[in-house]
Amino acid sequence: MALALTLMATGPATAAPSLAPQTARVHELLAEWRLGDAARALEPLARIAPRAPAVRLARGELLFHRGRYAEAHKELEAAKKGLTGGPKALRALARHLEALVRSTAATVKGYSEELSSKGHFLLRASGRDRLLLPFVGETLERVRARLESDLGFAPKH
């Protein structure tokens, strides 16, 4: 019984560090605003170890970048708890991201939200600025289409 408890207690701790290079890649992709690539890089890690703190931290950051603040906060809280006593840099990142998610969610609380006509942009505004959302969305879609035409590339978020 004591042996089984020891193995269970050390299993996740030894699994998490092995995910560090892969989750670091997810954070790099997010820093480059390559959300689609980050999601694809995170997918196999989330299947292997969905509750690993490093995976939850990366998932929380991805959710934040996608504007899903409540889900991001939940993931970052879980990551923070799982990182207690873990690598200092990851704990600091978790604290930083959690504070950023909280402040951003508080800022946009009560804002209207609208998806652009082709679904590439999520727009938020408050007050009179809400009236501009359809026009801003259409402008961004046209700029994106023009950039794709001129450069042969458009980010896939």
N, C-alpha and C. Protein backbone atom coordinates (compact mmCIF):
# COMPACT_ATOMS: atom_id res chain seq x y z
N MET A 1 0.83 -1.19 0.00
CA MET A 1 0.00 0.00 0.00
C MET A 1 0.87 1.26 0.00
N ALA A 2 1.91 1.28 0.83
CA ALA A 2 2.79 2.44 0.89
C ALA A 2 3.52 2.62 -0.44
N LEU A 3 3.89 1.52 -1.07
CA LEU A 3 4.58 1.59 -2.35
C LEU A 3 3.66 2.18 -3.42
N ALA A 4 2.41 1.77 -3.46
CA ALA A 4 1.46 2.28 -4.44
C ALA A 4 1.25 3.78 -4.24
N LEU A 5 1.14 4.22 -3.02
CA LEU A 5 0.96 5.65 -2.75
C LEU A 5 2.17 6.45 -3.18
N THR A 6 3.36 5.90 -2.98
CA THR A 6 4.58 6.59 -3.39
C THR A 6 4.62 6.74 -4.91
N LEU A 7 4.27 5.68 -5.63
CA LEU A 7 4.28 5.74 -7.09
C LEU A 7 3.24 6.74 -7.60
N MET A 8 2.08 6.74 -6.99
CA MET A 8 1.05 7.69 -7.41
C MET A 8 1.48 9.12 -7.12
N ALA A 9 2.13 9.32 -6.02
CA ALA A 9 2.54 10.67 -5.66
C ALA A 9 3.66 11.18 -6.55
N THR A 10 4.53 10.28 -7.00
CA THR A 10 5.64 10.73 -7.83
C THR A 10 5.32 10.69 -9.32
N GLY A 11 4.29 9.95 -9.74
CA GLY A 11 3.95 9.84 -11.16
C GLY A 11 3.72 11.17 -11.84
N PRO A 12 2.75 11.95 -11.40
CA PRO A 12 2.50 13.23 -12.07
C PRO A 12 3.68 14.19 -11.99
N ALA A 13 4.39 14.19 -10.89
CA ALA A 13 5.52 15.12 -10.75
C ALA A 13 6.60 14.82 -11.78
N THR A 14 6.83 13.55 -12.08
CA THR A 14 7.85 13.23 -13.07
C THR A 14 7.33 13.42 -14.49
N ALA A 15 6.00 13.33 -14.68
CA ALA A 15 5.44 13.52 -16.02
C ALA A 15 5.47 15.00 -16.42
N ALA A 16 5.20 15.89 -15.49
CA ALA A 16 5.09 17.31 -15.82
C ALA A 16 6.36 17.90 -16.39
N PRO A 17 7.56 17.65 -15.80
CA PRO A 17 8.76 18.25 -16.38
C PRO A 17 9.02 17.81 -17.81
N SER A 18 8.63 16.58 -18.18
CA SER A 18 8.87 16.11 -19.54
C SER A 18 8.02 16.89 -20.55
N LEU A 19 6.98 17.54 -20.10
CA LEU A 19 6.13 18.33 -20.99
C LEU A 19 6.61 19.76 -21.15
N ALA A 20 7.58 20.16 -20.34
CA ALA A 20 8.04 21.55 -20.36
C ALA A 20 8.48 22.02 -21.75
N PRO A 21 9.30 21.27 -22.50
CA PRO A 21 9.71 21.76 -23.82
C PRO A 21 8.53 21.95 -24.78
N GLN A 22 7.57 21.02 -24.73
CA GLN A 22 6.42 21.13 -25.63
C GLN A 22 5.53 22.29 -25.24
N THR A 23 5.30 22.46 -23.94
CA THR A 23 4.44 23.58 -23.53
C THR A 23 5.16 24.91 -23.75
N ALA A 24 6.48 24.91 -23.64
CA ALA A 24 7.25 26.13 -23.94
C ALA A 24 7.01 26.54 -25.39
N ARG A 25 6.91 25.57 -26.27
CA ARG A 25 6.65 25.86 -27.68
C ARG A 25 5.26 26.50 -27.85
N VAL A 26 4.29 26.02 -27.09
CA VAL A 26 2.95 26.60 -27.15
C VAL A 26 3.01 28.07 -26.74
N HIS A 27 3.72 28.38 -25.65
CA HIS A 27 3.84 29.76 -25.19
C HIS A 27 4.56 30.63 -26.23
N GLU A 28 5.57 30.07 -26.89
CA GLU A 28 6.26 30.81 -27.95
C GLU A 28 5.31 31.16 -29.09
N LEU A 29 4.51 30.17 -29.51
CA LEU A 29 3.55 30.40 -30.59
C LEU A 29 2.52 31.45 -30.20
N LEU A 30 2.10 31.44 -28.95
CA LEU A 30 1.14 32.44 -28.49
C LEU A 30 1.78 33.83 -28.48
N ALA A 31 3.05 33.90 -28.11
CA ALA A 31 3.76 35.19 -28.11
C ALA A 31 3.87 35.73 -29.54
N GLU A 32 3.86 34.84 -30.52
CA GLU A 32 3.92 35.25 -31.93
C GLU A 32 2.51 35.42 -32.51
N TRP A 33 1.49 35.33 -31.70
CA TRP A 33 0.09 35.45 -32.10
C TRP A 33 -0.32 34.37 -33.09
N ARG A 34 0.28 33.22 -32.99
CA ARG A 34 -0.06 32.09 -33.86
C ARG A 34 -0.97 31.14 -33.08
N LEU A 35 -2.20 31.60 -32.85
CA LEU A 35 -3.13 30.88 -31.99
C LEU A 35 -3.50 29.51 -32.54
N GLY A 36 -3.73 29.43 -33.83
CA GLY A 36 -4.07 28.14 -34.44
C GLY A 36 -2.94 27.14 -34.28
N ASP A 37 -1.71 27.57 -34.54
CA ASP A 37 -0.55 26.69 -34.38
C ASP A 37 -0.37 26.29 -32.91
N ALA A 38 -0.61 27.24 -32.01
CA ALA A 38 -0.49 26.94 -30.58
C ALA A 38 -1.53 25.90 -30.17
N ALA A 39 -2.75 26.05 -30.66
CA ALA A 39 -3.80 25.08 -30.33
C ALA A 39 -3.44 23.70 -30.85
N ARG A 40 -2.90 23.64 -32.06
CA ARG A 40 -2.50 22.34 -32.63
C ARG A 40 -1.33 21.73 -31.85
N ALA A 41 -0.41 22.55 -31.38
CA ALA A 41 0.71 22.05 -30.59
C ALA A 41 0.26 21.57 -29.22
N LEU A 42 -0.77 22.20 -28.68
CA LEU A 42 -1.28 21.86 -27.35
C LEU A 42 -2.15 20.60 -27.37
N GLU A 43 -2.82 20.37 -28.46
CA GLU A 43 -3.78 19.27 -28.56
C GLU A 43 -3.23 17.91 -28.11
N PRO A 44 -2.11 17.44 -28.64
CA PRO A 44 -1.62 16.13 -28.19
C PRO A 44 -1.19 16.13 -26.73
N LEU A 45 -0.69 17.24 -26.24
CA LEU A 45 -0.29 17.32 -24.83
C LEU A 45 -1.51 17.23 -23.93
N ALA A 46 -2.59 17.87 -24.34
CA ALA A 46 -3.82 17.84 -23.56
C ALA A 46 -4.44 16.44 -23.55
N ARG A 47 -4.23 15.69 -24.62
CA ARG A 47 -4.72 14.30 -24.64
C ARG A 47 -3.89 13.42 -23.71
N ILE A 48 -2.57 13.63 -23.70
CA ILE A 48 -1.66 12.81 -22.88
C ILE A 48 -1.82 13.12 -21.39
N ALA A 49 -1.82 14.41 -21.06
CA ALA A 49 -1.83 14.81 -19.64
C ALA A 49 -2.69 16.06 -19.46
N PRO A 50 -4.02 15.93 -19.56
CA PRO A 50 -4.88 17.11 -19.51
C PRO A 50 -4.82 17.88 -18.19
N ARG A 51 -4.43 17.22 -17.11
CA ARG A 51 -4.41 17.88 -15.80
C ARG A 51 -3.01 18.30 -15.37
N ALA A 52 -2.03 18.07 -16.21
CA ALA A 52 -0.66 18.49 -15.87
C ALA A 52 -0.62 20.01 -15.76
N PRO A 53 -0.01 20.54 -14.71
CA PRO A 53 0.01 22.00 -14.52
C PRO A 53 0.57 22.77 -15.72
N ALA A 54 1.62 22.26 -16.34
CA ALA A 54 2.20 22.96 -17.50
C ALA A 54 1.21 23.01 -18.66
N VAL A 55 0.45 21.93 -18.84
CA VAL A 55 -0.55 21.88 -19.91
C VAL A 55 -1.70 22.83 -19.59
N ARG A 56 -2.13 22.84 -18.34
CA ARG A 56 -3.22 23.73 -17.93
C ARG A 56 -2.80 25.20 -18.06
N LEU A 57 -1.54 25.48 -17.77
CA LEU A 57 -1.03 26.84 -17.91
C LEU A 57 -1.07 27.27 -19.38
N ALA A 58 -0.61 26.40 -20.27
CA ALA A 58 -0.63 26.71 -21.70
C ALA A 58 -2.06 26.85 -22.21
N ARG A 59 -2.95 25.95 -21.76
CA ARG A 59 -4.35 26.02 -22.17
C ARG A 59 -4.99 27.31 -21.66
N GLY A 60 -4.67 27.70 -20.44
CA GLY A 60 -5.19 28.94 -19.88
C GLY A 60 -4.76 30.16 -20.68
N GLU A 61 -3.49 30.16 -21.10
CA GLU A 61 -3.01 31.28 -21.91
C GLU A 61 -3.70 31.31 -23.27
N LEU A 62 -3.89 30.15 -23.88
CA LEU A 62 -4.58 30.08 -25.17
C LEU A 62 -6.01 30.58 -25.04
N LEU A 63 -6.71 30.13 -24.00
CA LEU A 63 -8.08 30.58 -23.77
C LEU A 63 -8.13 32.09 -23.57
N PHE A 64 -7.16 32.63 -22.85
CA PHE A 64 -7.09 34.08 -22.66
C PHE A 64 -6.99 34.79 -24.01
N HIS A 65 -6.09 34.33 -24.86
CA HIS A 65 -5.91 34.97 -26.16
C HIS A 65 -7.14 34.85 -27.04
N ARG A 66 -7.96 33.86 -26.76
CA ARG A 66 -9.20 33.69 -27.53
C ARG A 66 -10.38 34.43 -26.90
N GLY A 67 -10.12 35.14 -25.81
CA GLY A 67 -11.15 35.94 -25.18
C GLY A 67 -12.10 35.16 -24.30
N ARG A 68 -11.75 33.95 -23.94
CA ARG A 68 -12.59 33.10 -23.09
C ARG A 68 -12.06 33.18 -21.65
N TYR A 69 -12.34 34.32 -21.03
CA TYR A 69 -11.70 34.68 -19.76
C TYR A 69 -12.09 33.81 -18.59
N ALA A 70 -13.36 33.43 -18.47
CA ALA A 70 -13.78 32.59 -17.34
C ALA A 70 -13.09 31.23 -17.40
N GLU A 71 -13.03 30.63 -18.59
CA GLU A 71 -12.37 29.33 -18.76
C GLU A 71 -10.86 29.47 -18.51
N ALA A 72 -10.28 30.56 -19.00
CA ALA A 72 -8.85 30.79 -18.81
C ALA A 72 -8.53 30.91 -17.33
N HIS A 73 -9.36 31.64 -16.60
CA HIS A 73 -9.14 31.82 -15.17
C HIS A 73 -9.18 30.48 -14.44
N LYS A 74 -10.13 29.64 -14.80
CA LYS A 74 -10.26 28.31 -14.18
C LYS A 74 -9.00 27.47 -14.43
N GLU A 75 -8.52 27.47 -15.65
CA GLU A 75 -7.32 26.69 -15.99
C GLU A 75 -6.09 27.24 -15.27
N LEU A 76 -5.97 28.55 -15.22
CA LEU A 76 -4.80 29.15 -14.58
C LEU A 76 -4.80 28.93 -13.07
N GLU A 77 -5.98 28.96 -12.47
CA GLU A 77 -6.09 28.65 -11.03
C GLU A 77 -5.61 27.23 -10.77
N ALA A 78 -6.09 26.29 -11.59
CA ALA A 78 -5.69 24.89 -11.43
C ALA A 78 -4.19 24.73 -11.67
N ALA A 79 -3.66 25.40 -12.66
CA ALA A 79 -2.22 25.32 -12.95
C ALA A 79 -1.42 25.85 -11.77
N LYS A 80 -1.87 26.99 -11.23
CA LYS A 80 -1.17 27.60 -10.10
C LYS A 80 -1.12 26.65 -8.90
N LYS A 81 -2.23 26.02 -8.60
CA LYS A 81 -2.28 25.06 -7.49
C LYS A 81 -1.35 23.89 -7.75
N GLY A 82 -1.33 23.41 -8.99
CA GLY A 82 -0.49 22.27 -9.34
C GLY A 82 0.99 22.61 -9.39
N LEU A 83 1.30 23.88 -9.54
CA LEU A 83 2.70 24.30 -9.64
C LEU A 83 3.31 24.66 -8.29
N THR A 84 2.54 24.53 -7.21
CA THR A 84 3.08 24.84 -5.88
C THR A 84 4.35 24.02 -5.67
N GLY A 85 5.42 24.70 -5.42
CA GLY A 85 6.71 24.03 -5.23
C GLY A 85 7.40 23.66 -6.54
N GLY A 86 6.77 23.99 -7.67
CA GLY A 86 7.34 23.69 -8.97
C GLY A 86 8.30 24.76 -9.43
N PRO A 87 8.67 24.73 -10.71
CA PRO A 87 9.62 25.71 -11.24
C PRO A 87 9.16 27.15 -11.02
N LYS A 88 10.07 27.95 -10.54
CA LYS A 88 9.76 29.34 -10.19
C LYS A 88 9.25 30.12 -11.41
N ALA A 89 9.84 29.91 -12.57
CA ALA A 89 9.44 30.64 -13.77
C ALA A 89 8.00 30.32 -14.15
N LEU A 90 7.59 29.06 -14.04
CA LEU A 90 6.22 28.69 -14.37
C LEU A 90 5.23 29.25 -13.36
N ARG A 91 5.61 29.25 -12.09
CA ARG A 91 4.73 29.84 -11.06
C ARG A 91 4.55 31.33 -11.32
N ALA A 92 5.63 32.01 -11.68
CA ALA A 92 5.55 33.45 -11.97
C ALA A 92 4.68 33.71 -13.20
N LEU A 93 4.81 32.88 -14.23
CA LEU A 93 3.99 33.03 -15.43
C LEU A 93 2.52 32.82 -15.09
N ALA A 94 2.23 31.81 -14.28
CA ALA A 94 0.84 31.54 -13.89
C ALA A 94 0.25 32.72 -13.13
N ARG A 95 1.01 33.30 -12.21
CA ARG A 95 0.52 34.45 -11.45
C ARG A 95 0.29 35.65 -12.39
N HIS A 96 1.23 35.89 -13.28
CA HIS A 96 1.13 37.00 -14.22
C HIS A 96 -0.11 36.84 -15.12
N LEU A 97 -0.27 35.66 -15.69
CA LEU A 97 -1.40 35.43 -16.59
C LEU A 97 -2.72 35.53 -15.86
N GLU A 98 -2.76 35.00 -14.64
CA GLU A 98 -4.01 35.06 -13.87
C GLU A 98 -4.39 36.52 -13.60
N ALA A 99 -3.43 37.34 -13.24
CA ALA A 99 -3.70 38.76 -12.99
C ALA A 99 -4.16 39.45 -14.28
N LEU A 100 -3.54 39.11 -15.39
CA LEU A 100 -3.91 39.68 -16.68
C LEU A 100 -5.33 39.29 -17.08
N VAL A 101 -5.66 38.02 -16.87
CA VAL A 101 -7.01 37.54 -17.19
C VAL A 101 -8.04 38.26 -16.32
N ARG A 102 -7.76 38.35 -15.03
CA ARG A 102 -8.69 39.02 -14.12
C ARG A 102 -8.93 40.48 -14.51
N SER A 103 -7.84 41.21 -14.78
CA SER A 103 -7.99 42.63 -15.12
C SER A 103 -8.67 42.81 -16.48
N THR A 104 -8.36 41.97 -17.43
CA THR A 104 -8.99 42.08 -18.75
C THR A 104 -10.48 41.75 -18.66
N ALA A 105 -10.82 40.69 -17.93
CA ALA A 105 -12.23 40.31 -17.76
C ALA A 105 -13.00 41.44 -17.08
N ALA A 106 -12.38 42.07 -16.09
CA ALA A 106 -13.04 43.18 -15.40
C ALA A 106 -13.23 44.37 -16.34
N THR A 107 -12.27 44.60 -17.20
CA THR A 107 -12.36 45.72 -18.15
C THR A 107 -13.49 45.53 -19.15
N VAL A 108 -13.64 44.33 -19.67
CA VAL A 108 -14.64 44.09 -20.73
C VAL A 108 -15.98 43.61 -20.19
N LYS A 109 -16.11 43.52 -18.87
CA LYS A 109 -17.39 43.09 -18.28
C LYS A 109 -18.48 44.07 -18.71
N GLY A 110 -19.56 43.53 -19.24
CA GLY A 110 -20.66 44.37 -19.68
C GLY A 110 -20.53 44.87 -21.11
N TYR A 111 -19.42 44.58 -21.76
CA TYR A 111 -19.26 45.00 -23.15
C TYR A 111 -20.13 44.13 -24.05
N SER A 112 -20.55 44.70 -25.16
CA SER A 112 -21.22 43.92 -26.20
C SER A 112 -20.15 43.15 -26.96
N GLU A 113 -20.52 42.00 -27.45
CA GLU A 113 -19.57 41.15 -28.16
C GLU A 113 -20.18 40.75 -29.49
N GLU A 114 -19.40 40.83 -30.53
CA GLU A 114 -19.89 40.48 -31.85
C GLU A 114 -18.77 39.82 -32.66
N LEU A 115 -19.13 38.79 -33.39
CA LEU A 115 -18.19 38.12 -34.27
C LEU A 115 -18.30 38.78 -35.64
N SER A 116 -17.17 39.02 -36.29
CA SER A 116 -17.20 39.64 -37.62
C SER A 116 -17.93 38.71 -38.59
N SER A 117 -18.32 39.26 -39.72
CA SER A 117 -19.18 38.54 -40.67
C SER A 117 -18.61 37.18 -41.11
N LYS A 118 -17.31 37.07 -41.24
CA LYS A 118 -16.71 35.80 -41.65
C LYS A 118 -16.10 35.03 -40.48
N GLY A 119 -16.29 35.56 -39.28
CA GLY A 119 -15.88 34.84 -38.08
C GLY A 119 -14.41 34.91 -37.72
N HIS A 120 -13.66 35.79 -38.34
CA HIS A 120 -12.23 35.88 -38.04
C HIS A 120 -11.90 36.77 -36.86
N PHE A 121 -12.84 37.66 -36.49
CA PHE A 121 -12.55 38.63 -35.44
C PHE A 121 -13.68 38.66 -34.41
N LEU A 122 -13.29 38.64 -33.16
CA LEU A 122 -14.23 38.83 -32.07
C LEU A 122 -14.06 40.26 -31.58
N LEU A 123 -15.12 41.03 -31.64
CA LEU A 123 -15.06 42.44 -31.31
C LEU A 123 -15.88 42.71 -30.05
N ARG A 124 -15.37 43.61 -29.23
CA ARG A 124 -16.07 44.00 -28.00
C ARG A 124 -16.08 45.53 -27.92
N ALA A 125 -17.20 46.04 -27.44
CA ALA A 125 -17.30 47.49 -27.26
C ALA A 125 -18.40 47.78 -26.24
N SER A 126 -18.35 48.99 -25.70
CA SER A 126 -19.37 49.42 -24.74
C SER A 126 -19.94 50.76 -25.19
N GLY A 127 -21.06 51.11 -24.59
CA GLY A 127 -21.67 52.40 -24.87
C GLY A 127 -21.99 52.60 -26.34
N ARG A 128 -21.80 53.82 -26.79
CA ARG A 128 -22.09 54.16 -28.19
C ARG A 128 -21.18 53.43 -29.18
N ASP A 129 -20.02 53.06 -28.72
CA ASP A 129 -19.08 52.37 -29.61
C ASP A 129 -19.64 51.05 -30.14
N ARG A 130 -20.65 50.51 -29.46
CA ARG A 130 -21.27 49.26 -29.93
C ARG A 130 -21.81 49.42 -31.34
N LEU A 131 -22.25 50.62 -31.67
CA LEU A 131 -22.81 50.87 -33.00
C LEU A 131 -21.78 50.66 -34.11
N LEU A 132 -20.52 50.78 -33.75
CA LEU A 132 -19.45 50.66 -34.75
C LEU A 132 -19.02 49.21 -35.02
N LEU A 133 -19.43 48.30 -34.18
CA LEU A 133 -18.95 46.92 -34.30
C LEU A 133 -19.14 46.32 -35.69
N PRO A 134 -20.32 46.42 -36.31
CA PRO A 134 -20.46 45.82 -37.65
C PRO A 134 -19.50 46.44 -38.67
N PHE A 135 -19.29 47.75 -38.58
CA PHE A 135 -18.42 48.43 -39.53
C PHE A 135 -16.95 48.07 -39.30
N VAL A 136 -16.56 48.01 -38.04
CA VAL A 136 -15.18 47.62 -37.70
C VAL A 136 -14.94 46.19 -38.15
N GLY A 137 -15.90 45.31 -37.89
CA GLY A 137 -15.77 43.91 -38.30
C GLY A 137 -15.61 43.77 -39.80
N GLU A 138 -16.43 44.49 -40.55
CA GLU A 138 -16.35 44.42 -42.01
C GLU A 138 -15.03 44.98 -42.51
N THR A 139 -14.57 46.07 -41.93
CA THR A 139 -13.28 46.65 -42.32
C THR A 139 -12.14 45.67 -42.07
N LEU A 140 -12.14 45.06 -40.89
CA LEU A 140 -11.08 44.08 -40.57
C LEU A 140 -11.12 42.88 -41.51
N GLU A 141 -12.32 42.42 -41.86
CA GLU A 141 -12.43 41.29 -42.79
C GLU A 141 -11.88 41.66 -44.17
N ARG A 142 -12.16 42.89 -44.61
CA ARG A 142 -11.64 43.32 -45.92
C ARG A 142 -10.12 43.46 -45.91
N VAL A 143 -9.59 44.01 -44.83
CA VAL A 143 -8.13 44.14 -44.71
C VAL A 143 -7.49 42.75 -44.69
N ARG A 144 -8.09 41.84 -43.94
CA ARG A 144 -7.56 40.47 -43.88
C ARG A 144 -7.56 39.83 -45.27
N ALA A 145 -8.68 39.99 -46.01
CA ALA A 145 -8.78 39.43 -47.36
C ALA A 145 -7.74 40.04 -48.29
N ARG A 146 -7.52 41.34 -48.17
CA ARG A 146 -6.53 42.02 -49.02
C ARG A 146 -5.12 41.54 -48.69
N LEU A 147 -4.81 41.41 -47.40
CA LEU A 147 -3.50 40.91 -47.00
C LEU A 147 -3.29 39.48 -47.51
N GLU A 148 -4.33 38.68 -47.42
CA GLU A 148 -4.23 37.31 -47.92
C GLU A 148 -4.00 37.30 -49.43
N SER A 149 -4.68 38.19 -50.13
CA SER A 149 -4.51 38.30 -51.58
C SER A 149 -3.09 38.77 -51.93
N ASP A 150 -2.62 39.79 -51.22
CA ASP A 150 -1.31 40.36 -51.51
C ASP A 150 -0.15 39.46 -51.07
N LEU A 151 -0.31 38.85 -49.90
CA LEU A 151 0.79 38.06 -49.33
C LEU A 151 0.65 36.56 -49.51
N GLY A 152 -0.57 36.13 -49.89
CA GLY A 152 -0.80 34.70 -50.04
C GLY A 152 -0.89 33.99 -48.71
N PHE A 153 -1.16 34.71 -47.64
CA PHE A 153 -1.20 34.12 -46.31
C PHE A 153 -2.13 34.94 -45.43
N ALA A 154 -2.86 34.25 -44.58
CA ALA A 154 -3.65 34.90 -43.53
C ALA A 154 -3.61 33.98 -42.31
N PRO A 155 -3.46 34.54 -41.14
CA PRO A 155 -3.43 33.70 -39.93
C PRO A 155 -4.72 32.92 -39.77
N LYS A 156 -4.60 31.71 -39.30
CA LYS A 156 -5.78 30.88 -39.04
C LYS A 156 -5.97 30.78 -37.55
N HIS A 157 -6.86 31.56 -37.01
CA HIS A 157 -7.11 31.55 -35.57
C HIS A 157 -8.36 30.78 -35.31
